[in-house]
Amino acid sequence: MNITIDEIRKKLTAIKKMGFVKTLRKGPTGIGYTLETLLEIDENNISSPDFGEIELKAQREKHTGMTTLFTFNNKAWKMPPLEAIKQYGSLDKDGRQGMYYTMGMTPNSAGLFLHVDDSSISVRHISGNIVAVWQLAEIEKRFEAKVKNVLLVKAKVEIRDGIEYFHFTRARLLSGGTSQSILKNQFENEHLLVDLRLHDKGTMARNHGTGFRVFENNLENLYEKVEEIEF
């Protein structure tokens, strides 16, 4: 879907005039789904941005949760995933042995942590075993392909009878992409984290895609340029 910033501004102006709108889906993804619907964007899980060269992200004001930038494996695993699950996994909510961990620099209960150097990040075990490695250059390329430019739209939230209502009031264009040095810094400061999402499926590992996630209030720090979009 190719659309200009001016066209987006006009659509956002109309949405803002609607005031508080009832969420169209319960749960954390409700805000994004509601905004996409109001902007007439079809929900998708494809790797290309929503608006041609611009990816859409919606945030609740004052929310300090995390958002997923993209998923990325790209032959990163140095241990066979099923072996890694058997060695370092734990039971998930469905009673399956899995590795559903949000990884930072501090070792977790399984002894796994992120290691960062000048050219890569890796998931390692305190024993010295290297589980998976991603090159910063490859992460930068993935970032550029999916979220080089982001339209970040924020909404005030009201809860009425247990249901969320959103008033979309502010937007910023995050552009210029990122750099390996920015990525390295954000990983080291645990503003950017890695979600492992896989479980034992008997004869193989079922991998739902490694997520690269950022705290919402630090998203702007990943970009070279931040511009307020008035509407």
C-alpha atoms as a PDB file:
ATOM      1  CA  MET A   1       0.000   0.000   0.000  1.00  0.00           C
ATOM      2  CA  ASN A   2       1.729   3.180  -1.190  1.00  0.00           C
ATOM      3  CA  ILE A   3       0.543   6.357   0.512  1.00  0.00           C
ATOM      4  CA  THR A   4       2.156   9.735   1.171  1.00  0.00           C
ATOM      5  CA  ILE A   5       2.659  11.393   4.540  1.00  0.00           C
ATOM      6  CA  ASP A   6       0.150  14.077   3.532  1.00  0.00           C
ATOM      7  CA  GLU A   7      -2.466  11.401   2.830  1.00  0.00           C
ATOM      8  CA  ILE A   8      -1.697   9.749   6.155  1.00  0.00           C
ATOM      9  CA  ARG A   9      -2.006  13.126   7.906  1.00  0.00           C
ATOM     10  CA  LYS A  10      -5.464  13.650   6.408  1.00  0.00           C
ATOM     11  CA  LYS A  11      -6.617  10.201   7.540  1.00  0.00           C
ATOM     12  CA  LEU A  12      -5.215  10.759  11.039  1.00  0.00           C
ATOM     13  CA  THR A  13      -6.944  14.139  11.252  1.00  0.00           C
ATOM     14  CA  ALA A  14     -10.283  12.465  10.519  1.00  0.00           C
ATOM     15  CA  ILE A  15      -9.575   9.731  13.074  1.00  0.00           C
ATOM     16  CA  LYS A  16      -8.585  12.286  15.724  1.00  0.00           C
ATOM     17  CA  LYS A  17     -11.893  14.110  15.233  1.00  0.00           C
ATOM     18  CA  MET A  18     -13.724  10.887  16.086  1.00  0.00           C
ATOM     19  CA  GLY A  19     -12.544  11.231  19.688  1.00  0.00           C
ATOM     20  CA  PHE A  20     -12.387   8.047  21.739  1.00  0.00           C
ATOM     21  CA  VAL A  21     -13.147   4.949  19.658  1.00  0.00           C
ATOM     22  CA  LYS A  22     -13.923   1.508  21.045  1.00  0.00           C
ATOM     23  CA  THR A  23     -11.251  -1.124  20.526  1.00  0.00           C
ATOM     24  CA  LEU A  24     -12.054  -3.572  17.761  1.00  0.00           C
ATOM     25  CA  ARG A  25     -10.106  -6.368  19.444  1.00  0.00           C
ATOM     26  CA  LYS A  26      -9.446  -7.227  23.060  1.00  0.00           C
ATOM     27  CA  GLY A  27      -5.905  -7.517  24.371  1.00  0.00           C
ATOM     28  CA  PRO A  28      -2.518  -5.909  23.682  1.00  0.00           C
ATOM     29  CA  THR A  29      -2.898  -5.978  19.881  1.00  0.00           C
ATOM     30  CA  GLY A  30      -6.218  -4.132  20.005  1.00  0.00           C
ATOM     31  CA  ILE A  31      -4.712  -0.696  19.534  1.00  0.00           C
ATOM     32  CA  GLY A  32      -2.783  -1.638  16.388  1.00  0.00           C
ATOM     33  CA  TYR A  33      -5.684  -3.555  14.879  1.00  0.00           C
ATOM     34  CA  THR A  34      -8.102  -0.693  15.604  1.00  0.00           C
ATOM     35  CA  LEU A  35      -5.819   1.902  14.002  1.00  0.00           C
ATOM     36  CA  GLU A  36      -5.130  -0.295  10.965  1.00  0.00           C
ATOM     37  CA  THR A  37      -8.869  -0.787  10.494  1.00  0.00           C
ATOM     38  CA  LEU A  38      -9.568   2.947  10.750  1.00  0.00           C
ATOM     39  CA  LEU A  39      -6.770   3.597   8.231  1.00  0.00           C
ATOM     40  CA  GLU A  40      -8.193   0.839   6.005  1.00  0.00           C
ATOM     41  CA  ILE A  41      -5.055  -1.295   6.126  1.00  0.00           C
ATOM     42  CA  ASP A  42      -5.476  -5.055   5.804  1.00  0.00           C
ATOM     43  CA  GLU A  43      -3.898  -6.877   8.744  1.00  0.00           C
ATOM     44  CA  ASN A  44      -0.894  -8.925   7.626  1.00  0.00           C
ATOM     45  CA  ASN A  45       2.184 -10.737   8.854  1.00  0.00           C
ATOM     46  CA  ILE A  46       4.312 -10.143   5.780  1.00  0.00           C
ATOM     47  CA  SER A  47       7.784  -8.713   6.137  1.00  0.00           C
ATOM     48  CA  SER A  48       7.279  -5.559   4.040  1.00  0.00           C
ATOM     49  CA  PRO A  49       6.128  -2.251   5.607  1.00  0.00           C
ATOM     50  CA  ASP A  50       2.449  -1.251   5.806  1.00  0.00           C
ATOM     51  CA  PHE A  51       2.687   1.993   3.780  1.00  0.00           C
ATOM     52  CA  GLY A  52       5.146   1.166   1.006  1.00  0.00           C
ATOM     53  CA  GLU A  53       8.283   2.386   2.782  1.00  0.00           C
ATOM     54  CA  ILE A  54       6.699   3.201   6.159  1.00  0.00           C
ATOM     55  CA  GLU A  55       5.742   0.727   8.884  1.00  0.00           C
ATOM     56  CA  LEU A  56       2.858   1.608  11.210  1.00  0.00           C
ATOM     57  CA  LYS A  57       3.194   1.252  14.977  1.00  0.00           C
ATOM     58  CA  ALA A  58       0.478   2.227  17.469  1.00  0.00           C
ATOM     59  CA  GLN A  59       1.194   2.825  21.155  1.00  0.00           C
ATOM     60  CA  ARG A  60      -0.827   3.548  24.257  1.00  0.00           C
ATOM     61  CA  GLU A  61       0.304   6.779  25.914  1.00  0.00           C
ATOM     62  CA  LYS A  62       2.454   6.231  29.010  1.00  0.00           C
ATOM     63  CA  HIS A  63       2.661   2.500  28.296  1.00  0.00           C
ATOM     64  CA  THR A  64       6.054   1.009  29.135  1.00  0.00           C
ATOM     65  CA  GLY A  65       5.608  -2.415  27.556  1.00  0.00           C
ATOM     66  CA  MET A  66       7.501  -3.895  24.644  1.00  0.00           C
ATOM     67  CA  THR A  67       6.877  -4.005  20.921  1.00  0.00           C
ATOM     68  CA  THR A  68       8.247  -6.473  18.375  1.00  0.00           C
ATOM     69  CA  LEU A  69      10.272  -4.912  15.560  1.00  0.00           C
ATOM     70  CA  PHE A  70      10.598  -8.112  13.509  1.00  0.00           C
ATOM     71  CA  THR A  71      11.368 -11.822  13.739  1.00  0.00           C
ATOM     72  CA  PHE A  72      14.654 -13.112  12.406  1.00  0.00           C
ATOM     73  CA  ASN A  73      16.434 -16.468  12.459  1.00  0.00           C
ATOM     74  CA  ASN A  74      18.545 -16.670   9.271  1.00  0.00           C
ATOM     75  CA  LYS A  75      20.617 -19.759  10.149  1.00  0.00           C
ATOM     76  CA  ALA A  76      21.525 -18.283  13.526  1.00  0.00           C
ATOM     77  CA  TRP A  77      21.409 -21.503  15.523  1.00  0.00           C
ATOM     78  CA  LYS A  78      24.796 -22.985  16.400  1.00  0.00           C
ATOM     79  CA  MET A  79      23.240 -25.782  18.457  1.00  0.00           C
ATOM     80  CA  PRO A  80      20.476 -27.896  16.929  1.00  0.00           C
ATOM     81  CA  PRO A  81      17.314 -26.189  18.278  1.00  0.00           C
ATOM     82  CA  LEU A  82      15.844 -29.442  19.606  1.00  0.00           C
ATOM     83  CA  GLU A  83      19.070 -30.158  21.505  1.00  0.00           C
ATOM     84  CA  ALA A  84      19.024 -26.634  22.933  1.00  0.00           C
ATOM     85  CA  ILE A  85      15.435 -27.123  24.128  1.00  0.00           C
ATOM     86  CA  LYS A  86      16.307 -30.415  25.812  1.00  0.00           C
ATOM     87  CA  GLN A  87      19.313 -28.867  27.576  1.00  0.00           C
ATOM     88  CA  TYR A  88      17.986 -25.422  28.478  1.00  0.00           C
ATOM     89  CA  GLY A  89      14.222 -25.550  28.066  1.00  0.00           C
ATOM     90  CA  SER A  90      11.427 -25.433  30.611  1.00  0.00           C
ATOM     91  CA  LEU A  91       7.743 -26.340  30.585  1.00  0.00           C
ATOM     92  CA  ASP A  92       5.547 -23.794  28.800  1.00  0.00           C
ATOM     93  CA  LYS A  93       1.922 -22.953  29.645  1.00  0.00           C
ATOM     94  CA  ASP A  94       0.774 -25.956  27.582  1.00  0.00           C
ATOM     95  CA  GLY A  95       3.049 -28.383  29.416  1.00  0.00           C
ATOM     96  CA  ARG A  96       5.523 -28.668  26.542  1.00  0.00           C
ATOM     97  CA  GLN A  97       9.285 -28.407  26.897  1.00  0.00           C
ATOM     98  CA  GLY A  98      10.210 -25.139  25.282  1.00  0.00           C
ATOM     99  CA  MET A  99      12.387 -22.046  25.210  1.00  0.00           C
ATOM    100  CA  TYR A 100      10.077 -19.085  25.582  1.00  0.00           C
ATOM    101  CA  TYR A 101      12.571 -16.637  27.013  1.00  0.00           C
ATOM    102  CA  THR A 102      13.102 -12.897  26.723  1.00  0.00           C
ATOM    103  CA  MET A 103      16.868 -12.600  26.564  1.00  0.00           C
ATOM    104  CA  GLY A 104      18.985  -9.796  28.022  1.00  0.00           C
ATOM    105  CA  MET A 105      22.538  -9.428  29.271  1.00  0.00           C
ATOM    106  CA  THR A 106      21.784 -10.995  32.668  1.00  0.00           C
ATOM    107  CA  PRO A 107      21.652 -14.827  32.796  1.00  0.00           C
ATOM    108  CA  ASN A 108      18.124 -16.150  33.196  1.00  0.00           C
ATOM    109  CA  SER A 109      16.977 -19.123  35.295  1.00  0.00           C
ATOM    110  CA  ALA A 110      18.217 -21.498  32.579  1.00  0.00           C
ATOM    111  CA  GLY A 111      21.672 -19.874  32.584  1.00  0.00           C
ATOM    112  CA  LEU A 112      21.175 -18.242  29.174  1.00  0.00           C
ATOM    113  CA  PHE A 113      22.114 -14.627  28.374  1.00  0.00           C
ATOM    114  CA  LEU A 114      22.910 -12.272  25.508  1.00  0.00           C
ATOM    115  CA  HIS A 115      26.532 -11.593  24.666  1.00  0.00           C
ATOM    116  CA  VAL A 116      27.357  -8.506  22.578  1.00  0.00           C
ATOM    117  CA  ASP A 117      30.565  -7.655  20.754  1.00  0.00           C
ATOM    118  CA  ASP A 118      31.488  -5.233  17.974  1.00  0.00           C
ATOM    119  CA  SER A 119      30.048  -7.365  15.181  1.00  0.00           C
ATOM    120  CA  SER A 120      27.448  -9.730  16.631  1.00  0.00           C
ATOM    121  CA  ILE A 121      25.062 -10.710  19.385  1.00  0.00           C
ATOM    122  CA  SER A 122      24.709 -14.252  20.632  1.00  0.00           C
ATOM    123  CA  VAL A 123      22.700 -16.342  23.039  1.00  0.00           C
ATOM    124  CA  ARG A 124      25.127 -18.143  25.333  1.00  0.00           C
ATOM    125  CA  HIS A 125      25.004 -20.386  28.364  1.00  0.00           C
ATOM    126  CA  ILE A 126      27.031 -19.725  31.496  1.00  0.00           C
ATOM    127  CA  SER A 127      28.889 -22.977  30.713  1.00  0.00           C
ATOM    128  CA  GLY A 128      30.361 -21.262  27.645  1.00  0.00           C
ATOM    129  CA  ASN A 129      28.128 -22.975  25.087  1.00  0.00           C
ATOM    130  CA  ILE A 130      27.024 -20.746  22.215  1.00  0.00           C
ATOM    131  CA  VAL A 131      23.388 -21.400  21.284  1.00  0.00           C
ATOM    132  CA  ALA A 132      22.786 -18.899  18.463  1.00  0.00           C
ATOM    133  CA  VAL A 133      24.562 -15.959  16.802  1.00  0.00           C
ATOM    134  CA  TRP A 134      23.260 -12.997  14.779  1.00  0.00           C
ATOM    135  CA  GLN A 135      25.589 -10.602  12.985  1.00  0.00           C
ATOM    136  CA  LEU A 136      24.821  -6.939  13.707  1.00  0.00           C
ATOM    137  CA  ALA A 137      25.169  -6.234   9.985  1.00  0.00           C
ATOM    138  CA  GLU A 138      22.409  -8.758   9.251  1.00  0.00           C
ATOM    139  CA  ILE A 139      20.178  -7.350  11.999  1.00  0.00           C
ATOM    140  CA  GLU A 140      20.714  -3.879  10.519  1.00  0.00           C
ATOM    141  CA  LYS A 141      19.664  -5.172   7.076  1.00  0.00           C
ATOM    142  CA  ARG A 142      16.544  -6.780   8.547  1.00  0.00           C
ATOM    143  CA  PHE A 143      15.762  -3.557  10.390  1.00  0.00           C
ATOM    144  CA  GLU A 144      16.133  -1.553   7.168  1.00  0.00           C
ATOM    145  CA  ALA A 145      13.882  -3.973   5.271  1.00  0.00           C
ATOM    146  CA  LYS A 146      11.047  -3.958   7.809  1.00  0.00           C
ATOM    147  CA  VAL A 147      11.199  -0.873  10.015  1.00  0.00           C
ATOM    148  CA  LYS A 148      13.613   1.595   8.399  1.00  0.00           C
ATOM    149  CA  ASN A 149      10.844   4.204   8.606  1.00  0.00           C
ATOM    150  CA  VAL A 150       8.095   3.983  11.218  1.00  0.00           C
ATOM    151  CA  LEU A 151       5.008   6.074  11.718  1.00  0.00           C
ATOM    152  CA  LEU A 152       4.540   5.938  15.486  1.00  0.00           C
ATOM    153  CA  VAL A 153       0.975   6.886  16.450  1.00  0.00           C
ATOM    154  CA  LYS A 154       0.092   7.334  20.123  1.00  0.00           C
ATOM    155  CA  ALA A 155      -3.326   7.237  21.734  1.00  0.00           C
ATOM    156  CA  LYS A 156      -4.865   8.269  25.042  1.00  0.00           C
ATOM    157  CA  VAL A 157      -6.709   5.379  26.667  1.00  0.00           C
ATOM    158  CA  GLU A 158      -9.933   5.187  28.642  1.00  0.00           C
ATOM    159  CA  ILE A 159     -11.410   2.054  30.189  1.00  0.00           C
ATOM    160  CA  ARG A 160     -15.200   1.916  30.100  1.00  0.00           C
ATOM    161  CA  ASP A 161     -16.906  -1.101  31.630  1.00  0.00           C
ATOM    162  CA  GLY A 162     -13.686  -3.056  31.203  1.00  0.00           C
ATOM    163  CA  ILE A 163     -13.326  -2.153  27.523  1.00  0.00           C
ATOM    164  CA  GLU A 164     -10.547   0.012  26.055  1.00  0.00           C
ATOM    165  CA  TYR A 165     -11.270   3.155  24.078  1.00  0.00           C
ATOM    166  CA  PHE A 166      -8.547   4.963  22.129  1.00  0.00           C
ATOM    167  CA  HIS A 167      -8.142   8.599  21.147  1.00  0.00           C
ATOM    168  CA  PHE A 168      -5.329   8.863  18.583  1.00  0.00           C
ATOM    169  CA  THR A 169      -3.740  12.267  19.162  1.00  0.00           C
ATOM    170  CA  ARG A 170      -0.038  12.230  18.273  1.00  0.00           C
ATOM    171  CA  ALA A 171       2.253  10.868  15.562  1.00  0.00           C
ATOM    172  CA  ARG A 172       5.986  10.881  14.911  1.00  0.00           C
ATOM    173  CA  LEU A 173       7.898   9.738  11.858  1.00  0.00           C
ATOM    174  CA  LEU A 174      11.001   7.758  12.786  1.00  0.00           C
ATOM    175  CA  SER A 175      13.296   7.593   9.784  1.00  0.00           C
ATOM    176  CA  GLY A 176      16.816   7.177   8.481  1.00  0.00           C
ATOM    177  CA  GLY A 177      17.104   3.627   9.731  1.00  0.00           C
ATOM    178  CA  THR A 178      19.565   2.558  12.395  1.00  0.00           C
ATOM    179  CA  SER A 179      23.246   1.603  12.601  1.00  0.00           C
ATOM    180  CA  GLN A 180      25.299  -1.226  14.051  1.00  0.00           C
ATOM    181  CA  SER A 181      26.657   1.075  16.757  1.00  0.00           C
ATOM    182  CA  ILE A 182      23.133   2.101  17.794  1.00  0.00           C
ATOM    183  CA  LEU A 183      22.023  -1.529  17.863  1.00  0.00           C
ATOM    184  CA  LYS A 184      25.052  -2.559  19.929  1.00  0.00           C
ATOM    185  CA  ASN A 185      24.372   0.222  22.434  1.00  0.00           C
ATOM    186  CA  GLN A 186      20.689  -0.655  22.744  1.00  0.00           C
ATOM    187  CA  PHE A 187      21.434  -4.345  23.313  1.00  0.00           C
ATOM    188  CA  GLU A 188      24.093  -3.513  25.906  1.00  0.00           C
ATOM    189  CA  ASN A 189      21.682  -1.261  27.792  1.00  0.00           C
ATOM    190  CA  GLU A 190      18.918  -3.903  27.591  1.00  0.00           C
ATOM    191  CA  HIS A 191      16.577  -1.566  25.732  1.00  0.00           C
ATOM    192  CA  LEU A 192      16.597  -4.042  22.847  1.00  0.00           C
ATOM    193  CA  LEU A 193      15.957  -7.681  23.745  1.00  0.00           C
ATOM    194  CA  VAL A 194      15.624 -11.045  22.009  1.00  0.00           C
ATOM    195  CA  ASP A 195      12.609 -13.338  22.380  1.00  0.00           C
ATOM    196  CA  LEU A 196      13.240 -17.052  21.864  1.00  0.00           C
ATOM    197  CA  ARG A 197       9.994 -18.768  20.839  1.00  0.00           C
ATOM    198  CA  LEU A 198      10.318 -22.500  20.242  1.00  0.00           C
ATOM    199  CA  HIS A 199       9.225 -25.816  21.728  1.00  0.00           C
ATOM    200  CA  ASP A 200       9.794 -29.547  21.452  1.00  0.00           C
ATOM    201  CA  LYS A 201       7.494 -31.112  18.873  1.00  0.00           C
ATOM    202  CA  GLY A 202       8.755 -34.656  19.296  1.00  0.00           C
ATOM    203  CA  THR A 203      11.213 -35.265  16.473  1.00  0.00           C
ATOM    204  CA  MET A 204      11.885 -31.589  15.786  1.00  0.00           C
ATOM    205  CA  ALA A 205      11.750 -28.106  17.270  1.00  0.00           C
ATOM    206  CA  ARG A 206       8.801 -25.875  16.390  1.00  0.00           C
ATOM    207  CA  ASN A 207      10.242 -22.373  16.055  1.00  0.00           C
ATOM    208  CA  HIS A 208       7.789 -19.475  15.959  1.00  0.00           C
ATOM    209  CA  GLY A 209      10.516 -17.015  14.964  1.00  0.00           C
ATOM    210  CA  THR A 210      13.034 -15.211  17.142  1.00  0.00           C
ATOM    211  CA  GLY A 211      11.606 -11.813  18.029  1.00  0.00           C
ATOM    212  CA  PHE A 212      13.667  -8.645  18.305  1.00  0.00           C
ATOM    213  CA  ARG A 213      11.827  -6.465  20.781  1.00  0.00           C
ATOM    214  CA  VAL A 214      12.249  -2.963  22.161  1.00  0.00           C
ATOM    215  CA  PHE A 215      10.687  -1.155  25.093  1.00  0.00           C
ATOM    216  CA  GLU A 216       8.123   1.216  23.587  1.00  0.00           C
ATOM    217  CA  ASN A 217       9.525   4.277  25.343  1.00  0.00           C
ATOM    218  CA  ASN A 218      12.945   3.536  23.780  1.00  0.00           C
ATOM    219  CA  LEU A 219      11.798   2.898  20.205  1.00  0.00           C
ATOM    220  CA  GLU A 220      12.747   6.381  19.042  1.00  0.00           C
ATOM    221  CA  ASN A 221      16.330   5.876  20.263  1.00  0.00           C
ATOM    222  CA  LEU A 222      16.906   3.332  17.488  1.00  0.00           C
ATOM    223  CA  TYR A 223      16.517   5.921  14.723  1.00  0.00           C
ATOM    224  CA  GLU A 224      18.713   8.562  13.154  1.00  0.00           C
ATOM    225  CA  LYS A 225      15.831  11.048  12.763  1.00  0.00           C
ATOM    226  CA  VAL A 226      12.581  11.772  14.659  1.00  0.00           C
ATOM    227  CA  GLU A 227       9.982  14.174  13.226  1.00  0.00           C
ATOM    228  CA  GLU A 228       6.676  15.272  14.748  1.00  0.00           C
ATOM    229  CA  ILE A 229       3.702  14.860  12.387  1.00  0.00           C
ATOM    230  CA  GLU A 230       1.088  17.502  13.099  1.00  0.00           C
ATOM    231  CA  PHE A 231      -2.528  16.561  12.438  1.00  0.00           C
END
